[in-house]
Structure formats: C-alpha cells, structure tokens
C-alpha cells in the first residue's frame, strides 16, 4: 500500500521528532541490519534509519533497497537519515484520507 502525498506530509510531521532507531555503519546493509529494521517497523510502524560513511548516491541506493526489502514506504530523506513507514497488523497511527 503506497501512501498518498497528504499521508506522507502527515507522517513527516510525526517523524520529525523521532530519533533514529537503527544505525547502518560501514559494513553496509547486512542481513542482521535488515532484520533489526523489520523488527523496529513491526513495533513502531514509523522509524528513522541513520546511514553513516556513505556518499549521497550510495545512501539513496541503500534507502531504496531498505524500502524494497522491508516493504516499507520511504517517506523522508534528510541528509544521512531516512524515515520509513509500514503499517502494523494492528495499526496505531491513523492516516488521513
């Protein structure tokens, strides 16, 4: 389920005050990092991920890969931080229509 522009703006507002939950280091996107991101998305629905030590193109590719492998929507990119949203089985965030 892709979020609409209105929903994306709403989620950006919610994500603004969040701290990054998962940090991707110099090792890159490993299987354990993807598992941790999936776990965080199950519990929080909306998370931020910090990617360190990469160039802009590599960060963008890594954020796109995270979105694809986890099935989450990439809702914001600010520098080396990306915000992801994936609704939980019992969603706690009510999106506007």
PDB file of N, CA and C in Angstrom:
ATOM      1  N   UNK A   1       0.835  -1.169   0.000  1.00  0.00           N
ATOM      2  CA  UNK A   1       0.000   0.000   0.000  1.00  0.00           C
ATOM      3  C   UNK A   1       0.887   1.242   0.000  1.00  0.00           C
ATOM      4  N   UNK A   2       0.826   2.004  -1.068  1.00  0.00           N
ATOM      5  CA  UNK A   2       1.606   3.232  -1.152  1.00  0.00           C
ATOM      6  C   UNK A   2       0.832   4.363  -0.474  1.00  0.00           C
ATOM      7  N   UNK A   3       1.558   5.197   0.234  1.00  0.00           N
ATOM      8  CA  UNK A   3       0.907   6.319   0.905  1.00  0.00           C
ATOM      9  C   UNK A   3       0.742   7.472  -0.080  1.00  0.00           C
ATOM     10  N   UNK A   4      -0.312   8.257   0.108  1.00  0.00           N
ATOM     11  CA  UNK A   4      -0.563   9.420  -0.736  1.00  0.00           C
ATOM     12  C   UNK A   4       0.314  10.577  -0.273  1.00  0.00           C
ATOM     13  N   UNK A   5       0.334  11.647  -1.055  1.00  0.00           N
ATOM     14  CA  UNK A   5       1.136  12.820  -0.679  1.00  0.00           C
ATOM     15  C   UNK A   5       0.648  13.431   0.633  1.00  0.00           C
ATOM     16  N   UNK A   6      -0.658  13.468   0.819  1.00  0.00           N
ATOM     17  CA  UNK A   6      -1.221  14.022   2.055  1.00  0.00           C
ATOM     18  C   UNK A   6      -0.790  13.183   3.256  1.00  0.00           C
ATOM     19  N   UNK A   7      -0.842  11.861   3.116  1.00  0.00           N
ATOM     20  CA  UNK A   7      -0.432  10.966   4.192  1.00  0.00           C
ATOM     21  C   UNK A   7       1.076  11.087   4.443  1.00  0.00           C
ATOM     22  N   UNK A   8       1.847  11.257   3.372  1.00  0.00           N
ATOM     23  CA  UNK A   8       3.291  11.402   3.514  1.00  0.00           C
ATOM     24  C   UNK A   8       3.633  12.664   4.305  1.00  0.00           C
ATOM     25  N   UNK A   9       2.935  13.770   4.031  1.00  0.00           N
ATOM     26  CA  UNK A   9       3.163  15.008   4.784  1.00  0.00           C
ATOM     27  C   UNK A   9       2.826  14.811   6.262  1.00  0.00           C
ATOM     28  N   UNK A  10       1.742  14.109   6.538  1.00  0.00           N
ATOM     29  CA  UNK A  10       1.337  13.834   7.913  1.00  0.00           C
ATOM     30  C   UNK A  10       2.410  12.993   8.624  1.00  0.00           C
ATOM     31  N   UNK A  11       2.899  11.959   7.942  1.00  0.00           N
ATOM     32  CA  UNK A  11       3.910  11.084   8.534  1.00  0.00           C
ATOM     33  C   UNK A  11       5.237  11.813   8.748  1.00  0.00           C
ATOM     34  N   UNK A  12       5.595  12.713   7.840  1.00  0.00           N
ATOM     35  CA  UNK A  12       6.815  13.512   8.022  1.00  0.00           C
ATOM     36  C   UNK A  12       6.725  14.338   9.293  1.00  0.00           C
ATOM     37  N   UNK A  13       5.534  14.898   9.545  1.00  0.00           N
ATOM     38  CA  UNK A  13       5.333  15.667  10.766  1.00  0.00           C
ATOM     39  C   UNK A  13       5.501  14.822  12.010  1.00  0.00           C
ATOM     40  N   UNK A  14       4.992  13.595  11.967  1.00  0.00           N
ATOM     41  CA  UNK A  14       5.147  12.690  13.105  1.00  0.00           C
ATOM     42  C   UNK A  14       6.598  12.249  13.276  1.00  0.00           C
ATOM     43  N   UNK A  15       7.297  12.035  12.162  1.00  0.00           N
ATOM     44  CA  UNK A  15       8.665  11.515  12.210  1.00  0.00           C
ATOM     45  C   UNK A  15       9.678  12.572  12.609  1.00  0.00           C
ATOM     46  N   UNK A  16       9.314  13.834  12.482  1.00  0.00           N
ATOM     47  CA  UNK A  16      10.259  14.914  12.738  1.00  0.00           C
ATOM     48  C   UNK A  16      10.913  14.809  14.120  1.00  0.00           C
ATOM     49  N   UNK A  17      10.143  14.495  15.131  1.00  0.00           N
ATOM     50  CA  UNK A  17      10.682  14.473  16.495  1.00  0.00           C
ATOM     51  C   UNK A  17      11.311  13.130  16.871  1.00  0.00           C
ATOM     52  N   UNK A  18      11.233  12.137  16.007  1.00  0.00           N
ATOM     53  CA  UNK A  18      11.790  10.821  16.314  1.00  0.00           C
ATOM     54  C   UNK A  18      13.311  10.822  16.214  1.00  0.00           C
ATOM     55  N   UNK A  19      13.935   9.983  16.999  1.00  0.00           N
ATOM     56  CA  UNK A  19      15.370   9.747  16.911  1.00  0.00           C
ATOM     57  C   UNK A  19      15.580   8.492  16.050  1.00  0.00           C
ATOM     58  N   UNK A  20      16.717   8.392  15.359  1.00  0.00           N
ATOM     59  CA  UNK A  20      16.986   7.179  14.575  1.00  0.00           C
ATOM     60  C   UNK A  20      17.026   5.941  15.466  1.00  0.00           C
ATOM     61  N   UNK A  21      16.323   4.902  15.033  1.00  0.00           N
ATOM     62  CA  UNK A  21      16.231   3.665  15.805  1.00  0.00           C
ATOM     63  C   UNK A  21      17.317   2.687  15.383  1.00  0.00           C
ATOM     64  N   UNK A  22      17.663   2.690  14.096  1.00  0.00           N
ATOM     65  CA  UNK A  22      18.657   1.764  13.557  1.00  0.00           C
ATOM     66  C   UNK A  22      19.757   2.580  12.893  1.00  0.00           C
ATOM     67  N   UNK A  23      21.002   2.179  13.128  1.00  0.00           N
ATOM     68  CA  UNK A  23      22.157   2.827  12.511  1.00  0.00           C
ATOM     69  C   UNK A  23      22.824   1.832  11.566  1.00  0.00           C
ATOM     70  N   UNK A  24      23.050   2.243  10.333  1.00  0.00           N
ATOM     71  CA  UNK A  24      23.756   1.422   9.354  1.00  0.00           C
ATOM     72  C   UNK A  24      25.174   1.946   9.288  1.00  0.00           C
ATOM     73  N   UNK A  25      26.139   1.095   9.617  1.00  0.00           N
ATOM     74  CA  UNK A  25      27.531   1.516   9.680  1.00  0.00           C
ATOM     75  C   UNK A  25      28.296   1.247   8.403  1.00  0.00           C
ATOM     76  N   UNK A  26      29.608   1.161   8.537  1.00  0.00           N
ATOM     77  CA  UNK A  26      30.488   0.966   7.387  1.00  0.00           C
ATOM     78  C   UNK A  26      30.312  -0.402   6.733  1.00  0.00           C
ATOM     79  N   UNK A  27      29.777  -1.374   7.456  1.00  0.00           N
ATOM     80  CA  UNK A  27      29.560  -2.706   6.891  1.00  0.00           C
ATOM     81  C   UNK A  27      28.450  -2.708   5.867  1.00  0.00           C
ATOM     82  N   UNK A  28      27.634  -1.672   5.883  1.00  0.00           N
ATOM     83  CA  UNK A  28      26.542  -1.584   4.910  1.00  0.00           C
ATOM     84  C   UNK A  28      25.294  -2.284   5.398  1.00  0.00           C
ATOM     85  N   UNK A  29      24.483  -2.646   4.456  1.00  0.00           N
ATOM     86  CA  UNK A  29      23.178  -3.235   4.741  1.00  0.00           C
ATOM     87  C   UNK A  29      23.321  -4.747   4.851  1.00  0.00           C
ATOM     88  N   UNK A  30      23.557  -5.232   6.053  1.00  0.00           N
ATOM     89  CA  UNK A  30      23.714  -6.664   6.271  1.00  0.00           C
ATOM     90  C   UNK A  30      22.366  -7.291   6.597  1.00  0.00           C
ATOM     91  N   UNK A  31      22.345  -8.596   6.633  1.00  0.00           N
ATOM     92  CA  UNK A  31      21.119  -9.331   6.938  1.00  0.00           C
ATOM     93  C   UNK A  31      20.606  -9.005   8.338  1.00  0.00           C
ATOM     94  N   UNK A  32      21.506  -8.844   9.286  1.00  0.00           N
ATOM     95  CA  UNK A  32      21.086  -8.531  10.661  1.00  0.00           C
ATOM     96  C   UNK A  32      20.516  -7.114  10.765  1.00  0.00           C
ATOM     97  N   UNK A  33      21.049  -6.185   9.982  1.00  0.00           N
ATOM     98  CA  UNK A  33      20.522  -4.813   9.989  1.00  0.00           C
ATOM     99  C   UNK A  33      19.109  -4.804   9.416  1.00  0.00           C
ATOM    100  N   UNK A  34      18.889  -5.536   8.327  1.00  0.00           N
ATOM    101  CA  UNK A  34      17.555  -5.626   7.727  1.00  0.00           C
ATOM    102  C   UNK A  34      16.573  -6.267   8.710  1.00  0.00           C
ATOM    103  N   UNK A  35      17.026  -7.288   9.433  1.00  0.00           N
ATOM    104  CA  UNK A  35      16.172  -7.933  10.429  1.00  0.00           C
ATOM    105  C   UNK A  35      15.812  -6.955  11.547  1.00  0.00           C
ATOM    106  N   UNK A  36      16.759  -6.138  11.963  1.00  0.00           N
ATOM    107  CA  UNK A  36      16.506  -5.141  13.020  1.00  0.00           C
ATOM    108  C   UNK A  36      15.533  -4.070  12.534  1.00  0.00           C
ATOM    109  N   UNK A  37      15.665  -3.660  11.268  1.00  0.00           N
ATOM    110  CA  UNK A  37      14.741  -2.675  10.701  1.00  0.00           C
ATOM    111  C   UNK A  37      13.335  -3.255  10.641  1.00  0.00           C
ATOM    112  N   UNK A  38      13.213  -4.519  10.206  1.00  0.00           N
ATOM    113  CA  UNK A  38      11.898  -5.180  10.187  1.00  0.00           C
ATOM    114  C   UNK A  38      11.289  -5.249  11.579  1.00  0.00           C
ATOM    115  N   UNK A  39      12.107  -5.587  12.557  1.00  0.00           N
ATOM    116  CA  UNK A  39      11.642  -5.671  13.940  1.00  0.00           C
ATOM    117  C   UNK A  39      11.166  -4.305  14.439  1.00  0.00           C
ATOM    118  N   UNK A  40      11.930  -3.263  14.145  1.00  0.00           N
ATOM    119  CA  UNK A  40      11.552  -1.911  14.569  1.00  0.00           C
ATOM    120  C   UNK A  40      10.263  -1.463  13.884  1.00  0.00           C
ATOM    121  N   UNK A  41      10.098  -1.784  12.615  1.00  0.00           N
ATOM    122  CA  UNK A  41       8.872  -1.416  11.896  1.00  0.00           C
ATOM    123  C   UNK A  41       7.653  -2.144  12.461  1.00  0.00           C
ATOM    124  N   UNK A  42       7.824  -3.395  12.878  1.00  0.00           N
ATOM    125  CA  UNK A  42       6.709  -4.140  13.473  1.00  0.00           C
ATOM    126  C   UNK A  42       6.249  -3.492  14.771  1.00  0.00           C
ATOM    127  N   UNK A  43       7.200  -2.982  15.544  1.00  0.00           N
ATOM    128  CA  UNK A  43       6.864  -2.412  16.843  1.00  0.00           C
ATOM    129  C   UNK A  43       6.436  -0.952  16.778  1.00  0.00           C
ATOM    130  N   UNK A  44       7.024  -0.180  15.859  1.00  0.00           N
ATOM    131  CA  UNK A  44       6.805   1.262  15.863  1.00  0.00           C
ATOM    132  C   UNK A  44       6.028   1.799  14.661  1.00  0.00           C
ATOM    133  N   UNK A  45       5.983   1.077  13.563  1.00  0.00           N
ATOM    134  CA  UNK A  45       5.345   1.487  12.297  1.00  0.00           C
ATOM    135  C   UNK A  45       6.104   2.595  11.590  1.00  0.00           C
ATOM    136  N   UNK A  46       6.589   3.582  12.316  1.00  0.00           N
ATOM    137  CA  UNK A  46       7.276   4.736  11.746  1.00  0.00           C
ATOM    138  C   UNK A  46       8.635   4.857  12.422  1.00  0.00           C
ATOM    139  N   UNK A  47       9.714   4.748  11.620  1.00  0.00           N
ATOM    140  CA  UNK A  47      11.063   4.791  12.198  1.00  0.00           C
ATOM    141  C   UNK A  47      11.974   5.657  11.334  1.00  0.00           C
ATOM    142  N   UNK A  48      13.101   6.024  11.938  1.00  0.00           N
ATOM    143  CA  UNK A  48      14.173   6.684  11.209  1.00  0.00           C
ATOM    144  C   UNK A  48      15.396   5.768  11.235  1.00  0.00           C
ATOM    145  N   UNK A  49      16.138   5.782  10.122  1.00  0.00           N
ATOM    146  CA  UNK A  49      17.360   4.989   9.994  1.00  0.00           C
ATOM    147  C   UNK A  49      18.489   5.933   9.607  1.00  0.00           C
ATOM    148  N   UNK A  50      19.602   5.857  10.315  1.00  0.00           N
ATOM    149  CA  UNK A  50      20.775   6.686  10.014  1.00  0.00           C
ATOM    150  C   UNK A  50      21.792   5.833   9.256  1.00  0.00           C
ATOM    151  N   UNK A  51      22.298   6.383   8.150  1.00  0.00           N
ATOM    152  CA  UNK A  51      23.311   5.695   7.346  1.00  0.00           C
ATOM    153  C   UNK A  51      24.591   6.512   7.424  1.00  0.00           C
ATOM    154  N   UNK A  52      25.661   5.892   7.933  1.00  0.00           N
ATOM    155  CA  UNK A  52      26.922   6.602   8.132  1.00  0.00           C
ATOM    156  C   UNK A  52      27.958   6.198   7.090  1.00  0.00           C
ATOM    157  N   UNK A  53      28.829   7.132   6.778  1.00  0.00           N
ATOM    158  CA  UNK A  53      30.012   6.826   5.979  1.00  0.00           C
ATOM    159  C   UNK A  53      29.765   6.492   4.527  1.00  0.00           C
ATOM    160  N   UNK A  54      28.718   6.984   3.926  1.00  0.00           N
ATOM    161  CA  UNK A  54      28.438   6.693   2.519  1.00  0.00           C
ATOM    162  C   UNK A  54      28.276   7.992   1.745  1.00  0.00           C
ATOM    163  N   UNK A  55      28.515   7.924   0.450  1.00  0.00           N
ATOM    164  CA  UNK A  55      28.271   9.064  -0.430  1.00  0.00           C
ATOM    165  C   UNK A  55      26.781   9.189  -0.702  1.00  0.00           C
ATOM    166  N   UNK A  56      26.350  10.321  -1.225  1.00  0.00           N
ATOM    167  CA  UNK A  56      24.931  10.604  -1.437  1.00  0.00           C
ATOM    168  C   UNK A  56      24.251   9.544  -2.308  1.00  0.00           C
ATOM    169  N   UNK A  57      24.848   9.172  -3.418  1.00  0.00           N
ATOM    170  CA  UNK A  57      24.242   8.181  -4.320  1.00  0.00           C
ATOM    171  C   UNK A  57      24.142   6.818  -3.644  1.00  0.00           C
ATOM    172  N   UNK A  58      25.166   6.448  -2.884  1.00  0.00           N
ATOM    173  CA  UNK A  58      25.150   5.174  -2.176  1.00  0.00           C
ATOM    174  C   UNK A  58      24.085   5.161  -1.082  1.00  0.00           C
ATOM    175  N   UNK A  59      23.935   6.294  -0.379  1.00  0.00           N
ATOM    176  CA  UNK A  59      22.892   6.387   0.659  1.00  0.00           C
ATOM    177  C   UNK A  59      21.516   6.233   0.040  1.00  0.00           C
ATOM    178  N   UNK A  60      21.277   6.921  -1.081  1.00  0.00           N
ATOM    179  CA  UNK A  60      19.976   6.849  -1.751  1.00  0.00           C
ATOM    180  C   UNK A  60      19.694   5.424  -2.203  1.00  0.00           C
ATOM    181  N   UNK A  61      20.681   4.753  -2.772  1.00  0.00           N
ATOM    182  CA  UNK A  61      20.508   3.367  -3.205  1.00  0.00           C
ATOM    183  C   UNK A  61      20.217   2.458  -2.017  1.00  0.00           C
ATOM    184  N   UNK A  62      20.906   2.702  -0.901  1.00  0.00           N
ATOM    185  CA  UNK A  62      20.702   1.890   0.297  1.00  0.00           C
ATOM    186  C   UNK A  62      19.305   2.117   0.881  1.00  0.00           C
ATOM    187  N   UNK A  63      18.841   3.369   0.907  1.00  0.00           N
ATOM    188  CA  UNK A  63      17.491   3.668   1.405  1.00  0.00           C
ATOM    189  C   UNK A  63      16.431   3.018   0.524  1.00  0.00           C
ATOM    190  N   UNK A  64      16.632   3.058  -0.791  1.00  0.00           N
ATOM    191  CA  UNK A  64      15.696   2.403  -1.712  1.00  0.00           C
ATOM    192  C   UNK A  64      15.683   0.893  -1.499  1.00  0.00           C
ATOM    193  N   UNK A  65      16.855   0.315  -1.254  1.00  0.00           N
ATOM    194  CA  UNK A  65      16.950  -1.124  -1.008  1.00  0.00           C
ATOM    195  C   UNK A  65      16.252  -1.509   0.297  1.00  0.00           C
ATOM    196  N   UNK A  66      16.394  -0.682   1.329  1.00  0.00           N
ATOM    197  CA  UNK A  66      15.702  -0.934   2.600  1.00  0.00           C
ATOM    198  C   UNK A  66      14.198  -0.934   2.371  1.00  0.00           C
ATOM    199  N   UNK A  67      13.710   0.067   1.641  1.00  0.00           N
ATOM    200  CA  UNK A  67      12.273   0.162   1.368  1.00  0.00           C
ATOM    201  C   UNK A  67      11.784  -1.063   0.601  1.00  0.00           C
ATOM    202  N   UNK A  68      12.558  -1.505  -0.373  1.00  0.00           N
ATOM    203  CA  UNK A  68      12.154  -2.650  -1.185  1.00  0.00           C
ATOM    204  C   UNK A  68      12.179  -3.950  -0.389  1.00  0.00           C
ATOM    205  N   UNK A  69      13.230  -4.186   0.383  1.00  0.00           N
ATOM    206  CA  UNK A  69      13.349  -5.460   1.098  1.00  0.00           C
ATOM    207  C   UNK A  69      12.398  -5.567   2.289  1.00  0.00           C
ATOM    208  N   UNK A  70      12.055  -4.421   2.900  1.00  0.00           N
ATOM    209  CA  UNK A  70      11.173  -4.472   4.069  1.00  0.00           C
ATOM    210  C   UNK A  70       9.706  -4.259   3.719  1.00  0.00           C
ATOM    211  N   UNK A  71       9.442  -3.778   2.507  1.00  0.00           N
ATOM    212  CA  UNK A  71       8.062  -3.498   2.126  1.00  0.00           C
ATOM    213  C   UNK A  71       7.530  -2.221   2.754  1.00  0.00           C
ATOM    214  N   UNK A  72       8.433  -1.347   3.176  1.00  0.00           N
ATOM    215  CA  UNK A  72       8.049  -0.087   3.810  1.00  0.00           C
ATOM    216  C   UNK A  72       8.086   1.042   2.792  1.00  0.00           C
ATOM    217  N   UNK A  73       7.396   2.127   3.113  1.00  0.00           N
ATOM    218  CA  UNK A  73       7.422   3.327   2.280  1.00  0.00           C
ATOM    219  C   UNK A  73       8.487   4.269   2.805  1.00  0.00           C
ATOM    220  N   UNK A  74       9.341   4.752   1.924  1.00  0.00           N
ATOM    221  CA  UNK A  74      10.332   5.762   2.271  1.00  0.00           C
ATOM    222  C   UNK A  74       9.616   7.103   2.257  1.00  0.00           C
ATOM    223  N   UNK A  75       9.458   7.712   3.429  1.00  0.00           N
ATOM    224  CA  UNK A  75       8.654   8.934   3.494  1.00  0.00           C
ATOM    225  C   UNK A  75       9.483  10.204   3.606  1.00  0.00           C
ATOM    226  N   UNK A  76      10.734  10.095   4.056  1.00  0.00           N
ATOM    227  CA  UNK A  76      11.553  11.292   4.139  1.00  0.00           C
ATOM    228  C   UNK A  76      13.022  10.942   4.059  1.00  0.00           C
ATOM    229  N   UNK A  77      13.783  11.850   3.468  1.00  0.00           N
ATOM    230  CA  UNK A  77      15.237  11.732   3.413  1.00  0.00           C
ATOM    231  C   UNK A  77      15.803  13.096   3.764  1.00  0.00           C
ATOM    232  N   UNK A  78      16.546  13.145   4.858  1.00  0.00           N
ATOM    233  CA  UNK A  78      17.210  14.376   5.285  1.00  0.00           C
ATOM    234  C   UNK A  78      18.664  14.027   5.559  1.00  0.00           C
ATOM    235  N   UNK A  79      19.547  14.433   4.670  1.00  0.00           N
ATOM    236  CA  UNK A  79      20.965  14.133   4.841  1.00  0.00           C
ATOM    237  C   UNK A  79      21.212  12.639   4.854  1.00  0.00           C
ATOM    238  N   UNK A  80      21.724  12.144   5.977  1.00  0.00           N
ATOM    239  CA  UNK A  80      22.013  10.712   6.078  1.00  0.00           C
ATOM    240  C   UNK A  80      20.948   9.955   6.873  1.00  0.00           C
ATOM    241  N   UNK A  81      19.759  10.540   6.993  1.00  0.00           N
ATOM    242  CA  UNK A  81      18.668   9.907   7.734  1.00  0.00           C
ATOM    243  C   UNK A  81      17.480   9.681   6.805  1.00  0.00           C
ATOM    244  N   UNK A  82      16.926   8.476   6.869  1.00  0.00           N
ATOM    245  CA  UNK A  82      15.730   8.151   6.099  1.00  0.00           C
ATOM    246  C   UNK A  82      14.614   7.733   7.039  1.00  0.00           C
ATOM    247  N   UNK A  83      13.397   8.115   6.709  1.00  0.00           N
ATOM    248  CA  UNK A  83      12.232   7.740   7.502  1.00  0.00           C
ATOM    249  C   UNK A  83      11.390   6.729   6.744  1.00  0.00           C
ATOM    250  N   UNK A  84      10.957   5.687   7.436  1.00  0.00           N
ATOM    251  CA  UNK A  84      10.199   4.606   6.822  1.00  0.00           C
ATOM    252  C   UNK A  84       8.886   4.382   7.566  1.00  0.00           C
ATOM    253  N   UNK A  85       7.852   4.035   6.800  1.00  0.00           N
ATOM    254  CA  UNK A  85       6.546   3.724   7.382  1.00  0.00           C
ATOM    255  C   UNK A  85       6.047   2.417   6.794  1.00  0.00           C
ATOM    256  N   UNK A  86       5.613   1.536   7.673  1.00  0.00           N
ATOM    257  CA  UNK A  86       4.943   0.304   7.272  1.00  0.00           C
ATOM    258  C   UNK A  86       3.852   0.035   8.301  1.00  0.00           C
ATOM    259  N   UNK A  87       2.584  -0.007   7.853  1.00  0.00           N
ATOM    260  CA  UNK A  87       1.504  -0.215   8.829  1.00  0.00           C
ATOM    261  C   UNK A  87       1.634  -1.580   9.513  1.00  0.00           C
ATOM    262  N   UNK A  88       1.339  -1.595  10.793  1.00  0.00           N
ATOM    263  CA  UNK A  88       1.380  -2.835  11.573  1.00  0.00           C
ATOM    264  C   UNK A  88       0.093  -3.619  11.354  1.00  0.00           C
ATOM    265  N   UNK A  89       0.067  -4.844  11.855  1.00  0.00           N
ATOM    266  CA  UNK A  89      -1.154  -5.655  11.757  1.00  0.00           C
ATOM    267  C   UNK A  89      -2.312  -4.982  12.501  1.00  0.00           C
ATOM    268  N   UNK A  90      -1.984  -4.367  13.633  1.00  0.00           N
ATOM    269  CA  UNK A  90      -2.947  -3.586  14.395  1.00  0.00           C
ATOM    270  C   UNK A  90      -2.418  -2.155  14.449  1.00  0.00           C
ATOM    271  N   UNK A  91      -2.689  -1.335  13.416  1.00  0.00           N
ATOM    272  CA  UNK A  91      -2.061  -0.018  13.321  1.00  0.00           C
ATOM    273  C   UNK A  91      -2.428   0.927  14.462  1.00  0.00           C
ATOM    274  N   UNK A  92      -1.406   1.642  14.944  1.00  0.00           N
ATOM    275  CA  UNK A  92      -1.640   2.642  15.989  1.00  0.00           C
ATOM    276  C   UNK A  92      -1.658   4.045  15.397  1.00  0.00           C
ATOM    277  N   UNK A  93      -1.141   4.205  14.187  1.00  0.00           N
ATOM    278  CA  UNK A  93      -1.134   5.510  13.517  1.00  0.00           C
ATOM    279  C   UNK A  93      -2.325   5.561  12.559  1.00  0.00           C
ATOM    280  N   UNK A  94      -3.200   6.533  12.775  1.00  0.00           N
ATOM    281  CA  UNK A  94      -4.362   6.724  11.908  1.00  0.00           C
ATOM    282  C   UNK A  94      -4.002   7.731  10.823  1.00  0.00           C
ATOM    283  N   UNK A  95      -3.922   7.265   9.585  1.00  0.00           N
ATOM    284  CA  UNK A  95      -3.556   8.134   8.474  1.00  0.00           C
ATOM    285  C   UNK A  95      -4.781   8.916   7.990  1.00  0.00           C
ATOM    286  N   UNK A  96      -4.565  10.174   7.580  1.00  0.00           N
ATOM    287  CA  UNK A  96      -5.675  10.930   6.982  1.00  0.00           C
ATOM    288  C   UNK A  96      -6.008  10.356   5.608  1.00  0.00           C
ATOM    289  N   UNK A  97      -7.228  10.549   5.164  1.00  0.00           N
ATOM    290  CA  UNK A  97      -7.643  10.014   3.863  1.00  0.00           C
ATOM    291  C   UNK A  97      -7.281  10.921   2.746  1.00  0.00           C
TER     292      UNK A  97
END
